[in-house]
Amino acid sequence: MTAYMAQAQENLISIIDLQRMKQAKEKISCLTAYDATFSALFNQAGVDVLLVGDSLGMVIQGNRTTLSVSLQDMLYHTKLVVTGSERAFVIADLPFMTTATPEQAAENAAALIQQSGAQMVKLEGAKIETIEFMVQQGIPVCAHLGLLPQSIYQMGQYRVQGKGVVDSERIFTEAIAVEAAGAQLLILECIPAPLANKITQQLSIPVIGIGAGAACDGQVLVAYDMLGMSLGQPAKFTKNFMQQATSILDAAKCFVHEVKTGKFPTIEQSYQ
């Protein structure tokens, strides 16, 4: 490794840094990004994690769900985000039907890491065998529980998960299981804040929430929601940071500040 490569690697946030932040109770800031310009701006703003989400199917491509997003889409957009990033930890989504078997998931995850430069891949659901297999191959995995957009046609609608006793216990059990399987990060989406708090306290890996209350180790928003660019009625858990900013960079800085200081999300932006 050359001195230049070593220096570049040192500048990047690693999973070890995120684990240390959890231990130090420093909140982790995360935004979605889909291109080099937004990636660079969010890096300047001090965002810790950039998620190249399959949400691009909705906010970039204009579709009603994330299901149309292909692996090629993810490879293209992840490479752009990595190109614009000098510091942030980059996670890439494994899109719909790219994780049907553990072997398929590992092959597609390897492509996202080798060809696009992602530092970690994210997959939806408690796919324990798949997580274990990928981890055995040396692939860093972020699990995703709660509301699962790739399962929208099974769920029927985008709604809060884990409200009943049975569903709450299931999600809690799944969270323990994905950590035991080797996942190094967990995203919780649209679950009651008390459940997210319980999971965050139980797990040793960082837990990042979206619509999961303030007790999570970090917060993630879709960048377009953070900038007030949502089409239709914004979700309860979002906030338009452009209302208190003069530029996209300023809005991203406001987001980071409010996450780090615990001002976002509020009780009103959480589910009980």
Protein backbone atom coordinates (compact mmCIF):
# COMPACT_ATOMS: atom_id res chain seq x y z
CA MET A 1 0.00 0.00 0.00
CA THR A 2 1.37 3.41 -0.98
CA ALA A 3 1.59 6.32 1.46
CA TYR A 4 -1.16 8.08 -0.51
CA MET A 5 -3.47 5.06 -0.25
CA ALA A 6 -2.74 4.71 3.45
CA GLN A 7 -3.54 8.38 4.07
CA ALA A 8 -6.77 8.14 2.07
CA GLN A 9 -7.80 5.08 4.06
CA GLU A 10 -7.07 6.86 7.35
CA ASN A 11 -9.45 9.68 6.42
CA LEU A 12 -12.38 7.30 5.95
CA ILE A 13 -14.75 6.53 8.79
CA SER A 14 -14.71 2.79 9.47
CA ILE A 15 -17.08 0.40 11.19
CA ILE A 16 -14.70 0.52 14.15
CA ASP A 17 -15.24 4.28 14.38
CA LEU A 18 -19.02 3.78 14.35
CA GLN A 19 -18.73 1.18 17.10
CA ARG A 20 -16.64 3.59 19.17
CA MET A 21 -19.27 6.29 18.66
CA LYS A 22 -21.92 3.98 20.08
CA GLN A 23 -19.75 3.20 23.07
CA ALA A 24 -19.05 6.90 23.62
CA LYS A 25 -22.77 7.69 23.16
CA GLU A 26 -21.99 10.01 20.26
CA LYS A 27 -24.92 10.06 17.86
CA ILE A 28 -24.29 8.88 14.30
CA SER A 29 -25.61 11.02 11.43
CA CYS A 30 -26.66 9.34 8.20
CA LEU A 31 -28.24 10.58 4.97
CA THR A 32 -29.03 8.89 1.69
CA ALA A 33 -27.00 9.97 -1.33
CA TYR A 34 -27.20 9.01 -4.97
CA ASP A 35 -24.56 11.08 -6.78
CA ALA A 36 -21.11 12.64 -6.38
CA THR A 37 -22.25 16.22 -5.76
CA PHE A 38 -24.61 15.43 -2.90
CA SER A 39 -22.00 13.04 -1.55
CA ALA A 40 -19.35 15.76 -1.50
CA LEU A 41 -21.70 18.30 0.11
CA PHE A 42 -22.75 15.85 2.82
CA ASN A 43 -19.10 15.05 3.50
CA GLN A 44 -18.41 18.77 3.94
CA ALA A 45 -21.33 18.95 6.34
CA GLY A 46 -19.81 16.23 8.52
CA VAL A 47 -22.32 13.46 7.82
CA ASP A 48 -20.90 10.21 9.22
CA VAL A 49 -22.64 7.65 7.01
CA LEU A 50 -23.97 7.84 3.45
CA LEU A 51 -26.56 5.24 2.49
CA VAL A 52 -26.97 4.60 -1.21
CA GLY A 53 -30.54 3.43 -0.80
CA ASP A 54 -32.81 1.68 -3.24
CA SER A 55 -35.07 4.60 -2.34
CA LEU A 56 -33.53 6.03 -5.51
CA GLY A 57 -36.24 4.09 -7.32
CA MET A 58 -38.78 6.51 -5.87
CA VAL A 59 -36.93 9.83 -5.46
CA ILE A 60 -34.66 9.60 -8.54
CA GLN A 61 -36.52 7.33 -10.95
CA GLY A 62 -40.02 8.45 -9.97
CA ASN A 63 -41.48 5.01 -9.28
CA ARG A 64 -44.07 4.22 -6.62
CA THR A 65 -41.93 1.59 -4.90
CA THR A 66 -38.28 0.54 -4.66
CA LEU A 67 -38.93 -2.78 -6.40
CA SER A 68 -37.82 -1.73 -9.88
CA VAL A 69 -34.28 -0.85 -8.79
CA SER A 70 -31.68 -3.18 -10.31
CA LEU A 71 -28.23 -4.20 -9.18
CA GLN A 72 -26.82 -2.18 -12.11
CA ASP A 73 -28.63 0.90 -10.79
CA MET A 74 -27.04 0.35 -7.38
CA LEU A 75 -23.59 -0.23 -8.86
CA TYR A 76 -23.81 3.01 -10.85
CA HIS A 77 -25.09 5.25 -8.05
CA THR A 78 -22.83 3.74 -5.39
CA LYS A 79 -19.76 4.41 -7.53
CA LEU A 80 -20.84 8.05 -7.90
CA VAL A 81 -21.30 8.46 -4.16
CA VAL A 82 -17.95 6.86 -3.37
CA THR A 83 -16.30 9.18 -5.91
CA GLY A 84 -17.64 12.22 -4.06
CA SER A 85 -16.86 10.97 -0.57
CA GLU A 86 -13.62 11.65 1.30
CA ARG A 87 -14.70 10.79 4.85
CA ALA A 88 -18.16 9.26 5.22
CA PHE A 89 -18.79 5.53 5.62
CA VAL A 90 -20.67 4.33 2.51
CA ILE A 91 -23.35 1.63 2.65
CA ALA A 92 -25.09 0.27 -0.45
CA ASP A 93 -28.49 -1.43 -0.56
CA LEU A 94 -28.93 -4.88 -2.03
CA PRO A 95 -32.09 -4.35 -4.11
CA PHE A 96 -35.19 -6.52 -4.50
CA MET A 97 -34.55 -10.19 -5.42
CA THR A 98 -30.75 -9.91 -5.29
CA THR A 99 -30.60 -11.88 -2.02
CA ALA A 100 -32.84 -14.85 -2.88
CA THR A 101 -30.10 -17.27 -1.84
CA PRO A 102 -27.02 -16.75 0.36
CA GLU A 103 -24.78 -17.40 -2.64
CA GLN A 104 -26.59 -14.87 -4.80
CA ALA A 105 -26.49 -12.29 -2.01
CA ALA A 106 -22.75 -12.76 -1.53
CA GLU A 107 -22.04 -12.48 -5.26
CA ASN A 108 -24.06 -9.28 -5.58
CA ALA A 109 -22.60 -7.82 -2.40
CA ALA A 110 -19.10 -8.54 -3.68
CA ALA A 111 -19.91 -6.62 -6.86
CA LEU A 112 -21.06 -3.58 -4.86
CA ILE A 113 -17.86 -3.64 -2.83
CA GLN A 114 -15.39 -4.50 -5.61
CA GLN A 115 -16.84 -2.50 -8.48
CA SER A 116 -18.38 0.48 -6.68
CA GLY A 117 -16.31 0.83 -3.51
CA ALA A 118 -19.05 0.40 -0.89
CA GLN A 119 -17.73 -0.32 2.59
CA MET A 120 -20.81 -2.30 3.63
CA VAL A 121 -23.99 -3.71 2.09
CA LYS A 122 -27.50 -3.59 3.55
CA LEU A 123 -30.21 -6.17 3.16
CA GLU A 124 -33.80 -6.13 4.36
CA GLY A 125 -35.27 -8.69 6.73
CA ALA A 126 -33.95 -11.20 9.24
CA LYS A 127 -32.23 -13.40 6.67
CA ILE A 128 -30.01 -15.12 9.21
CA GLU A 129 -28.51 -17.79 6.96
CA THR A 130 -27.71 -15.20 4.30
CA ILE A 131 -26.08 -12.83 6.79
CA GLU A 132 -24.00 -15.66 8.25
CA PHE A 133 -22.85 -16.76 4.80
CA MET A 134 -21.87 -13.26 3.68
CA VAL A 135 -20.00 -12.59 6.92
CA GLN A 136 -18.10 -15.85 6.46
CA GLN A 137 -16.95 -14.51 3.09
CA GLY A 138 -15.66 -11.31 4.72
CA ILE A 139 -18.56 -9.11 3.60
CA PRO A 140 -19.59 -6.35 6.07
CA VAL A 141 -23.36 -6.46 6.56
CA CYS A 142 -25.95 -3.94 7.75
CA ALA A 143 -29.29 -5.51 8.65
CA HIS A 144 -32.63 -3.72 8.22
CA LEU A 145 -35.70 -4.51 10.35
CA GLY A 146 -39.14 -3.00 10.93
CA LEU A 147 -40.79 -1.53 7.87
CA LEU A 148 -39.34 -3.30 4.83
CA PRO A 149 -40.03 -1.35 1.62
CA GLN A 150 -39.06 -4.32 -0.57
CA SER A 151 -41.95 -6.27 1.03
CA ILE A 152 -44.53 -3.53 0.47
CA TYR A 153 -46.87 -5.77 -1.56
CA GLN A 154 -46.86 -8.31 1.28
CA MET A 155 -47.42 -5.64 3.92
CA GLY A 156 -50.05 -3.86 1.84
CA GLN A 157 -49.05 -0.36 2.89
CA TYR A 158 -46.26 1.67 4.44
CA ARG A 159 -47.15 1.60 8.15
CA VAL A 160 -45.55 1.35 11.57
CA GLN A 161 -44.34 -2.12 12.52
CA GLY A 162 -43.98 -3.73 15.95
CA LYS A 163 -46.97 -2.06 17.62
CA GLY A 164 -48.59 -5.25 18.91
CA VAL A 165 -47.02 -7.55 21.50
CA VAL A 166 -46.41 -10.38 19.03
CA ASP A 167 -44.82 -8.16 16.35
CA SER A 168 -42.79 -6.29 18.95
CA GLU A 169 -41.35 -9.51 20.35
CA ARG A 170 -40.65 -10.79 16.83
CA ILE A 171 -38.66 -7.69 15.84
CA PHE A 172 -36.74 -7.75 19.13
CA THR A 173 -35.86 -11.42 18.61
CA GLU A 174 -34.84 -10.73 15.02
CA ALA A 175 -32.55 -7.90 16.14
CA ILE A 176 -30.73 -10.21 18.53
CA ALA A 177 -30.50 -12.86 15.81
CA VAL A 178 -29.00 -10.60 13.12
CA GLU A 179 -26.31 -9.43 15.52
CA ALA A 180 -25.53 -13.03 16.45
CA ALA A 181 -25.32 -13.85 12.73
CA GLY A 182 -22.56 -11.25 12.33
CA ALA A 183 -24.29 -8.06 11.19
CA GLN A 184 -22.17 -5.09 12.31
CA LEU A 185 -24.87 -2.43 11.94
CA LEU A 186 -28.66 -2.35 12.14
CA ILE A 187 -31.23 0.03 10.69
CA LEU A 188 -34.66 0.14 12.33
CA GLU A 189 -37.44 1.69 10.26
CA CYS A 190 -40.84 2.87 11.49
CA ILE A 191 -41.15 1.09 14.81
CA PRO A 192 -42.30 2.42 18.21
CA ALA A 193 -39.63 4.40 20.06
CA PRO A 194 -39.79 2.22 23.21
CA LEU A 195 -39.07 -0.90 21.14
CA ALA A 196 -36.19 0.79 19.35
CA ASN A 197 -34.79 1.91 22.70
CA LYS A 198 -34.96 -1.65 24.03
CA ILE A 199 -33.16 -3.00 20.96
CA THR A 200 -30.50 -0.28 21.03
CA GLN A 201 -29.74 -0.96 24.67
CA GLN A 202 -29.59 -4.72 24.10
CA LEU A 203 -27.29 -4.79 21.09
CA SER A 204 -23.57 -4.08 21.07
CA ILE A 205 -23.62 -3.02 17.39
CA PRO A 206 -24.68 0.51 16.34
CA VAL A 207 -28.40 0.93 15.70
CA ILE A 208 -29.54 3.68 13.32
CA GLY A 209 -33.19 4.65 13.25
CA ILE A 210 -35.57 6.19 10.75
CA GLY A 211 -38.92 6.80 12.37
CA ALA A 212 -37.72 4.81 15.37
CA GLY A 213 -37.33 7.47 18.06
CA ALA A 214 -34.43 9.38 19.57
CA ALA A 215 -32.85 6.58 21.60
CA CYS A 216 -31.16 4.91 18.62
CA ASP A 217 -27.42 5.33 18.25
CA GLY A 218 -27.97 7.39 15.12
CA GLN A 219 -30.52 8.77 12.69
CA VAL A 220 -30.98 8.46 8.93
CA LEU A 221 -33.24 10.39 6.59
CA VAL A 222 -33.75 10.27 2.85
CA ALA A 223 -31.88 13.35 1.67
CA TYR A 224 -34.83 14.60 -0.38
CA ASP A 225 -37.05 14.52 2.71
CA MET A 226 -34.39 16.36 4.72
CA LEU A 227 -34.38 19.05 2.02
CA GLY A 228 -38.17 19.39 1.92
CA MET A 229 -38.37 17.92 -1.57
CA SER A 230 -40.89 15.19 -0.73
CA LEU A 231 -43.69 14.73 -3.24
CA GLY A 232 -46.97 14.46 -1.37
CA GLN A 233 -47.46 14.46 2.38
CA PRO A 234 -44.15 14.11 4.27
CA ALA A 235 -43.89 11.22 6.73
CA LYS A 236 -44.30 12.04 10.41
CA PHE A 237 -40.68 11.21 11.20
CA THR A 238 -39.15 13.57 8.62
CA LYS A 239 -38.11 17.20 8.95
CA ASN A 240 -37.49 19.89 6.34
CA PHE A 241 -34.11 21.31 7.37
CA MET A 242 -34.13 23.77 4.47
CA GLN A 243 -36.60 25.86 6.43
CA GLN A 244 -33.77 26.91 8.76
CA ALA A 245 -30.98 26.98 6.17
CA THR A 246 -29.72 29.10 3.29
CA SER A 247 -28.21 26.29 1.23
CA ILE A 248 -28.17 22.50 0.88
CA LEU A 249 -24.83 22.42 2.67
CA ASP A 250 -26.25 24.49 5.52
CA ALA A 251 -29.31 22.23 5.76
CA ALA A 252 -27.10 19.16 5.99
CA LYS A 253 -25.05 20.84 8.72
CA CYS A 254 -28.26 21.60 10.62
CA PHE A 255 -29.29 17.95 10.32
CA VAL A 256 -25.93 16.76 11.66
CA HIS A 257 -26.08 19.26 14.53
CA GLU A 258 -29.59 18.28 15.58
CA VAL A 259 -28.80 14.58 15.43
CA LYS A 260 -25.58 15.01 17.41
CA THR A 261 -27.25 17.16 20.08
CA GLY A 262 -30.35 15.01 20.35
CA LYS A 263 -32.72 17.70 19.05
CA PHE A 264 -33.85 15.44 16.22
CA PRO A 265 -36.07 13.51 16.26
CA THR A 266 -38.55 14.92 18.76
CA ILE A 267 -41.35 12.99 20.45
CA GLU A 268 -43.72 14.39 17.83
CA GLN A 269 -41.52 12.86 15.11
CA SER A 270 -41.58 9.44 16.78
CA TYR A 271 -44.07 6.60 17.16
CA GLN A 272 -45.14 5.35 20.58
